[in-house]
PDB file of N, CA and C in Angstrom:
ATOM      1  N   MET A   1       0.801  -1.153   0.041  1.00  0.00           N
ATOM      2  CA  MET A   1      -0.038   0.006   0.006  1.00  0.00           C
ATOM      3  C   MET A   1       0.896   1.243  -0.028  1.00  0.00           C
ATOM      4  N   THR A   2       0.489   2.254  -0.712  1.00  0.00           N
ATOM      5  CA  THR A   2       1.311   3.436  -0.771  1.00  0.00           C
ATOM      6  C   THR A   2       0.628   4.508   0.113  1.00  0.00           C
ATOM      7  N   LEU A   3       1.402   5.628   0.356  1.00  0.00           N
ATOM      8  CA  LEU A   3       0.884   6.744   1.085  1.00  0.00           C
ATOM      9  C   LEU A   3      -0.282   7.348   0.508  1.00  0.00           C
ATOM     10  N   PHE A   4      -0.318   7.370  -0.843  1.00  0.00           N
ATOM     11  CA  PHE A   4      -1.474   8.022  -1.546  1.00  0.00           C
ATOM     12  C   PHE A   4      -2.742   7.220  -1.406  1.00  0.00           C
ATOM     13  N   ASN A   5      -2.680   5.958  -1.132  1.00  0.00           N
ATOM     14  CA  ASN A   5      -3.835   5.066  -1.020  1.00  0.00           C
ATOM     15  C   ASN A   5      -4.582   5.235   0.319  1.00  0.00           C
ATOM     16  N   LEU A   6      -3.960   5.872   1.327  1.00  0.00           N
ATOM     17  CA  LEU A   6      -4.581   6.069   2.584  1.00  0.00           C
ATOM     18  C   LEU A   6      -5.687   7.031   2.454  1.00  0.00           C
ATOM     19  N   LYS A   7      -6.676   6.969   3.450  1.00  0.00           N
ATOM     20  CA  LYS A   7      -7.748   7.959   3.503  1.00  0.00           C
ATOM     21  C   LYS A   7      -7.443   8.995   4.509  1.00  0.00           C
ATOM     22  N   LYS A   8      -8.179  10.077   4.383  1.00  0.00           N
ATOM     23  CA  LYS A   8      -8.002  11.214   5.407  1.00  0.00           C
ATOM     24  C   LYS A   8      -8.160  10.714   6.771  1.00  0.00           C
ATOM     25  N   GLY A   9      -7.148  11.088   7.635  1.00  0.00           N
ATOM     26  CA  GLY A   9      -7.245  10.682   9.040  1.00  0.00           C
ATOM     27  C   GLY A   9      -6.542   9.395   9.380  1.00  0.00           C
ATOM     28  N   GLU A  10      -6.130   8.576   8.441  1.00  0.00           N
ATOM     29  CA  GLU A  10      -5.520   7.310   8.757  1.00  0.00           C
ATOM     30  C   GLU A  10      -3.984   7.472   9.058  1.00  0.00           C
ATOM     31  N   LYS A  11      -3.526   6.642   9.936  1.00  0.00           N
ATOM     32  CA  LYS A  11      -2.120   6.647  10.283  1.00  0.00           C
ATOM     33  C   LYS A  11      -1.404   5.411   9.688  1.00  0.00           C
ATOM     34  N   ALA A  12      -0.135   5.527   9.400  1.00  0.00           N
ATOM     35  CA  ALA A  12       0.612   4.459   8.816  1.00  0.00           C
ATOM     36  C   ALA A  12       2.058   4.592   9.113  1.00  0.00           C
ATOM     37  N   LEU A  13       2.782   3.370   9.067  1.00  0.00           N
ATOM     38  CA  LEU A  13       4.237   3.367   9.309  1.00  0.00           C
ATOM     39  C   LEU A  13       4.891   3.266   7.913  1.00  0.00           C
ATOM     40  N   ILE A  14       5.908   4.141   7.698  1.00  0.00           N
ATOM     41  CA  ILE A  14       6.664   4.124   6.453  1.00  0.00           C
ATOM     42  C   ILE A  14       7.528   2.953   6.390  1.00  0.00           C
ATOM     43  N   LYS A  15       7.351   2.026   5.408  1.00  0.00           N
ATOM     44  CA  LYS A  15       8.159   0.879   5.241  1.00  0.00           C
ATOM     45  C   LYS A  15       9.293   1.173   4.306  1.00  0.00           C
ATOM     46  N   SER A  16       9.142   1.825   3.206  1.00  0.00           N
ATOM     47  CA  SER A  16      10.216   2.125   2.290  1.00  0.00           C
ATOM     48  C   SER A  16       9.877   3.343   1.410  1.00  0.00           C
ATOM     49  N   ILE A  17      10.956   4.005   0.992  1.00  0.00           N
ATOM     50  CA  ILE A  17      10.853   5.132   0.108  1.00  0.00           C
ATOM     51  C   ILE A  17      11.636   4.802  -1.071  1.00  0.00           C
ATOM     52  N   SER A  18      10.924   4.677  -2.271  1.00  0.00           N
ATOM     53  CA  SER A  18      11.628   4.098  -3.439  1.00  0.00           C
ATOM     54  C   SER A  18      12.082   5.146  -4.449  1.00  0.00           C
ATOM     55  N   PHE A  19      12.441   6.422  -4.016  1.00  0.00           N
ATOM     56  CA  PHE A  19      13.068   7.362  -4.836  1.00  0.00           C
ATOM     57  C   PHE A  19      14.263   7.904  -4.140  1.00  0.00           C
ATOM     58  N   GLY A  20      15.095   8.465  -4.876  1.00  0.00           N
ATOM     59  CA  GLY A  20      16.324   9.022  -4.275  1.00  0.00           C
ATOM     60  C   GLY A  20      16.604  10.520  -4.637  1.00  0.00           C
ATOM     61  N   GLY A  21      17.795  10.832  -4.531  1.00  0.00           N
ATOM     62  CA  GLY A  21      18.142  12.226  -4.920  1.00  0.00           C
ATOM     63  C   GLY A  21      17.721  13.278  -3.931  1.00  0.00           C
ATOM     64  N   GLY A  22      17.501  14.495  -4.449  1.00  0.00           N
ATOM     65  CA  GLY A  22      17.195  15.625  -3.689  1.00  0.00           C
ATOM     66  C   GLY A  22      15.912  15.495  -2.891  1.00  0.00           C
ATOM     67  N   ALA A  23      14.889  14.885  -3.519  1.00  0.00           N
ATOM     68  CA  ALA A  23      13.588  14.761  -2.846  1.00  0.00           C
ATOM     69  C   ALA A  23      13.732  13.864  -1.610  1.00  0.00           C
ATOM     70  N   ARG A  24      14.467  12.760  -1.673  1.00  0.00           N
ATOM     71  CA  ARG A  24      14.660  11.928  -0.539  1.00  0.00           C
ATOM     72  C   ARG A  24      15.454  12.593   0.464  1.00  0.00           C
ATOM     73  N   ALA A  25      16.343  13.451   0.156  1.00  0.00           N
ATOM     74  CA  ALA A  25      17.215  14.165   1.153  1.00  0.00           C
ATOM     75  C   ALA A  25      16.398  15.236   1.887  1.00  0.00           C
ATOM     76  N   ARG A  26      15.494  15.836   1.118  1.00  0.00           N
ATOM     77  CA  ARG A  26      14.605  16.929   1.769  1.00  0.00           C
ATOM     78  C   ARG A  26      13.663  16.173   2.766  1.00  0.00           C
ATOM     79  N   LEU A  27      13.084  15.079   2.306  1.00  0.00           N
ATOM     80  CA  LEU A  27      12.181  14.407   3.257  1.00  0.00           C
ATOM     81  C   LEU A  27      12.951  13.949   4.548  1.00  0.00           C
ATOM     82  N   SER A  28      14.125  13.412   4.253  1.00  0.00           N
ATOM     83  CA  SER A  28      14.923  12.941   5.429  1.00  0.00           C
ATOM     84  C   SER A  28      15.340  14.101   6.347  1.00  0.00           C
ATOM     85  N   SER A  29      15.622  15.262   5.802  1.00  0.00           N
ATOM     86  CA  SER A  29      15.997  16.361   6.689  1.00  0.00           C
ATOM     87  C   SER A  29      14.777  16.850   7.502  1.00  0.00           C
ATOM     88  N   LEU A  30      13.586  16.596   6.990  1.00  0.00           N
ATOM     89  CA  LEU A  30      12.377  16.946   7.753  1.00  0.00           C
ATOM     90  C   LEU A  30      11.904  15.901   8.656  1.00  0.00           C
ATOM     91  N   GLY A  31      12.581  14.741   8.704  1.00  0.00           N
ATOM     92  CA  GLY A  31      12.281  13.644   9.585  1.00  0.00           C
ATOM     93  C   GLY A  31      11.368  12.609   9.014  1.00  0.00           C
ATOM     94  N   VAL A  32      11.047  12.663   7.774  1.00  0.00           N
ATOM     95  CA  VAL A  32      10.165  11.674   7.163  1.00  0.00           C
ATOM     96  C   VAL A  32      11.045  10.618   6.583  1.00  0.00           C
ATOM     97  N   THR A  33      11.209   9.552   7.301  1.00  0.00           N
ATOM     98  CA  THR A  33      12.124   8.414   6.975  1.00  0.00           C
ATOM     99  C   THR A  33      11.449   7.081   7.252  1.00  0.00           C
ATOM    100  N   GLU A  34      12.105   5.981   6.844  1.00  0.00           N
ATOM    101  CA  GLU A  34      11.492   4.627   7.089  1.00  0.00           C
ATOM    102  C   GLU A  34      11.399   4.476   8.661  1.00  0.00           C
ATOM    103  N   GLY A  35      10.284   3.758   9.035  1.00  0.00           N
ATOM    104  CA  GLY A  35      10.114   3.570  10.481  1.00  0.00           C
ATOM    105  C   GLY A  35       9.313   4.672  11.196  1.00  0.00           C
ATOM    106  N   LYS A  36       9.060   5.714  10.584  1.00  0.00           N
ATOM    107  CA  LYS A  36       8.286   6.855  11.183  1.00  0.00           C
ATOM    108  C   LYS A  36       6.802   6.683  10.921  1.00  0.00           C
ATOM    109  N   THR A  37       5.959   7.211  11.760  1.00  0.00           N
ATOM    110  CA  THR A  37       4.527   7.136  11.628  1.00  0.00           C
ATOM    111  C   THR A  37       4.058   8.499  11.039  1.00  0.00           C
ATOM    112  N   VAL A  38       3.156   8.361   9.973  1.00  0.00           N
ATOM    113  CA  VAL A  38       2.636   9.489   9.322  1.00  0.00           C
ATOM    114  C   VAL A  38       1.171   9.502   9.366  1.00  0.00           C
ATOM    115  N   THR A  39       0.512  10.612   9.373  1.00  0.00           N
ATOM    116  CA  THR A  39      -0.950  10.721   9.338  1.00  0.00           C
ATOM    117  C   THR A  39      -1.382  11.570   8.145  1.00  0.00           C
ATOM    118  N   VAL A  40      -2.385  11.073   7.394  1.00  0.00           N
ATOM    119  CA  VAL A  40      -2.878  11.872   6.274  1.00  0.00           C
ATOM    120  C   VAL A  40      -3.835  12.919   6.829  1.00  0.00           C
ATOM    121  N   LEU A  41      -3.542  14.197   6.565  1.00  0.00           N
ATOM    122  CA  LEU A  41      -4.374  15.227   7.060  1.00  0.00           C
ATOM    123  C   LEU A  41      -5.486  15.655   6.037  1.00  0.00           C
ATOM    124  N   SER A  42      -5.107  15.762   4.736  1.00  0.00           N
ATOM    125  CA  SER A  42      -6.089  16.089   3.660  1.00  0.00           C
ATOM    126  C   SER A  42      -5.390  15.921   2.338  1.00  0.00           C
ATOM    127  N   PHE A  43      -6.302  16.020   1.257  1.00  0.00           N
ATOM    128  CA  PHE A  43      -5.899  15.945  -0.115  1.00  0.00           C
ATOM    129  C   PHE A  43      -6.179  17.262  -0.759  1.00  0.00           C
ATOM    130  N   SER A  44      -5.379  17.615  -1.780  1.00  0.00           N
ATOM    131  CA  SER A  44      -5.661  18.827  -2.502  1.00  0.00           C
ATOM    132  C   SER A  44      -6.833  18.649  -3.448  1.00  0.00           C
ATOM    133  N   LEU A  45      -7.246  19.711  -4.045  1.00  0.00           N
ATOM    134  CA  LEU A  45      -8.314  19.655  -5.034  1.00  0.00           C
ATOM    135  C   LEU A  45      -7.855  18.675  -6.249  1.00  0.00           C
ATOM    136  N   PHE A  46      -8.662  17.828  -6.686  1.00  0.00           N
ATOM    137  CA  PHE A  46      -8.353  16.821  -7.773  1.00  0.00           C
ATOM    138  C   PHE A  46      -7.378  15.830  -7.310  1.00  0.00           C
ATOM    139  N   LYS A  47      -7.067  15.746  -5.950  1.00  0.00           N
ATOM    140  CA  LYS A  47      -6.147  14.780  -5.393  1.00  0.00           C
ATOM    141  C   LYS A  47      -4.735  14.776  -6.148  1.00  0.00           C
ATOM    142  N   SER A  48      -4.217  15.987  -6.385  1.00  0.00           N
ATOM    143  CA  SER A  48      -2.936  16.121  -6.990  1.00  0.00           C
ATOM    144  C   SER A  48      -1.771  16.126  -5.966  1.00  0.00           C
ATOM    145  N   ALA A  49      -2.155  16.298  -4.707  1.00  0.00           N
ATOM    146  CA  ALA A  49      -1.157  16.259  -3.630  1.00  0.00           C
ATOM    147  C   ALA A  49      -1.854  15.853  -2.337  1.00  0.00           C
ATOM    148  N   VAL A  50      -0.969  15.438  -1.368  1.00  0.00           N
ATOM    149  CA  VAL A  50      -1.502  14.988  -0.068  1.00  0.00           C
ATOM    150  C   VAL A  50      -0.744  15.731   1.038  1.00  0.00           C
ATOM    151  N   LEU A  51      -1.438  16.208   2.072  1.00  0.00           N
ATOM    152  CA  LEU A  51      -0.931  16.832   3.202  1.00  0.00           C
ATOM    153  C   LEU A  51      -0.783  15.861   4.302  1.00  0.00           C
ATOM    154  N   ILE A  52       0.487  15.643   4.817  1.00  0.00           N
ATOM    155  CA  ILE A  52       0.724  14.669   5.825  1.00  0.00           C
ATOM    156  C   ILE A  52       1.323  15.366   7.098  1.00  0.00           C
ATOM    157  N   SER A  53       1.270  14.658   8.137  1.00  0.00           N
ATOM    158  CA  SER A  53       1.866  15.007   9.428  1.00  0.00           C
ATOM    159  C   SER A  53       2.786  13.922   9.855  1.00  0.00           C
ATOM    160  N   CYS A  54       4.031  14.350  10.216  1.00  0.00           N
ATOM    161  CA  CYS A  54       4.992  13.364  10.690  1.00  0.00           C
ATOM    162  C   CYS A  54       5.724  14.043  11.933  1.00  0.00           C
ATOM    163  N   GLY A  55       5.333  13.590  13.097  1.00  0.00           N
ATOM    164  CA  GLY A  55       5.848  14.250  14.263  1.00  0.00           C
ATOM    165  C   GLY A  55       5.195  15.681  14.377  1.00  0.00           C
ATOM    166  N   TYR A  56       6.107  16.669  14.485  1.00  0.00           N
ATOM    167  CA  TYR A  56       5.611  18.069  14.526  1.00  0.00           C
ATOM    168  C   TYR A  56       5.685  18.775  13.136  1.00  0.00           C
ATOM    169  N   ILE A  57       5.957  17.981  12.113  1.00  0.00           N
ATOM    170  CA  ILE A  57       6.067  18.492  10.789  1.00  0.00           C
ATOM    171  C   ILE A  57       4.785  18.327   9.979  1.00  0.00           C
ATOM    172  N   ARG A  58       4.236  19.309   9.286  1.00  0.00           N
ATOM    173  CA  ARG A  58       3.190  19.163   8.277  1.00  0.00           C
ATOM    174  C   ARG A  58       3.808  19.398   7.022  1.00  0.00           C
ATOM    175  N   LEU A  59       3.519  18.501   6.006  1.00  0.00           N
ATOM    176  CA  LEU A  59       4.207  18.529   4.769  1.00  0.00           C
ATOM    177  C   LEU A  59       3.305  18.232   3.595  1.00  0.00           C
ATOM    178  N   GLY A  60       3.312  18.907   2.453  1.00  0.00           N
ATOM    179  CA  GLY A  60       2.584  18.637   1.276  1.00  0.00           C
ATOM    180  C   GLY A  60       3.444  17.866   0.381  1.00  0.00           C
ATOM    181  N   ILE A  61       2.993  16.689  -0.120  1.00  0.00           N
ATOM    182  CA  ILE A  61       3.739  15.870  -1.019  1.00  0.00           C
ATOM    183  C   ILE A  61       2.947  15.647  -2.315  1.00  0.00           C
ATOM    184  N   ARG A  62       3.531  15.807  -3.434  1.00  0.00           N
ATOM    185  CA  ARG A  62       2.932  15.560  -4.699  1.00  0.00           C
ATOM    186  C   ARG A  62       2.540  14.152  -4.879  1.00  0.00           C
ATOM    187  N   ARG A  63       1.495  13.935  -5.725  1.00  0.00           N
ATOM    188  CA  ARG A  63       0.980  12.528  -5.997  1.00  0.00           C
ATOM    189  C   ARG A  63       2.137  11.639  -6.486  1.00  0.00           C
ATOM    190  N   ALA A  64       2.977  12.082  -7.349  1.00  0.00           N
ATOM    191  CA  ALA A  64       4.038  11.249  -7.949  1.00  0.00           C
ATOM    192  C   ALA A  64       4.980  10.683  -6.827  1.00  0.00           C
ATOM    193  N   LEU A  65       5.299  11.491  -5.872  1.00  0.00           N
ATOM    194  CA  LEU A  65       6.198  11.058  -4.813  1.00  0.00           C
ATOM    195  C   LEU A  65       5.414  10.200  -3.825  1.00  0.00           C
ATOM    196  N   ALA A  66       4.180  10.573  -3.463  1.00  0.00           N
ATOM    197  CA  ALA A  66       3.348   9.829  -2.451  1.00  0.00           C
ATOM    198  C   ALA A  66       3.052   8.373  -2.903  1.00  0.00           C
ATOM    199  N   THR A  67       3.014   8.175  -4.178  1.00  0.00           N
ATOM    200  CA  THR A  67       2.770   6.797  -4.726  1.00  0.00           C
ATOM    201  C   THR A  67       4.010   5.952  -4.703  1.00  0.00           C
ATOM    202  N   GLN A  68       5.136   6.490  -4.375  1.00  0.00           N
ATOM    203  CA  GLN A  68       6.438   5.746  -4.279  1.00  0.00           C
ATOM    204  C   GLN A  68       6.852   5.551  -2.847  1.00  0.00           C
ATOM    205  N   ILE A  69       5.990   5.924  -1.870  1.00  0.00           N
ATOM    206  CA  ILE A  69       6.263   5.704  -0.463  1.00  0.00           C
ATOM    207  C   ILE A  69       5.392   4.563   0.028  1.00  0.00           C
ATOM    208  N   GLU A  70       5.969   3.394   0.283  1.00  0.00           N
ATOM    209  CA  GLU A  70       5.283   2.231   0.821  1.00  0.00           C
ATOM    210  C   GLU A  70       5.021   2.384   2.307  1.00  0.00           C
ATOM    211  N   VAL A  71       3.705   2.122   2.741  1.00  0.00           N
ATOM    212  CA  VAL A  71       3.373   2.221   4.135  1.00  0.00           C
ATOM    213  C   VAL A  71       2.620   0.987   4.543  1.00  0.00           C
ATOM    214  N   GLU A  72       2.464   0.909   5.886  1.00  0.00           N
ATOM    215  CA  GLU A  72       1.656  -0.193   6.456  1.00  0.00           C
ATOM    216  C   GLU A  72       0.790   0.474   7.506  1.00  0.00           C
ATOM    217  N   LYS A  73      -0.564   0.267   7.426  1.00  0.00           N
ATOM    218  CA  LYS A  73      -1.454   0.915   8.350  1.00  0.00           C
ATOM    219  C   LYS A  73      -1.196   0.435   9.817  1.00  0.00           C
ATOM    220  N   CYS A  74      -1.331   1.406  10.725  1.00  0.00           N
ATOM    221  CA  CYS A  74      -1.115   1.141  12.106  1.00  0.00           C
ATOM    222  C   CYS A  74      -2.361   0.628  12.783  1.00  0.00           C
TER     223      CYS A  74
END
């Protein structure tokens, strides 16, 4: 299951992030890494992005990146 497949309000544990480069480094610097718990707060209009919460961080992630983050529901 990917991060984008979760519904609003659901929590999940990040299992793997299957992209690299600058995007992975930015997420890592914000604390969004494997083993962390994320909560889906909302989706943008037309579901082109997802707003997540990880610890004290709120972050908007594009659909293309959210579909490459494997999660497991808590």
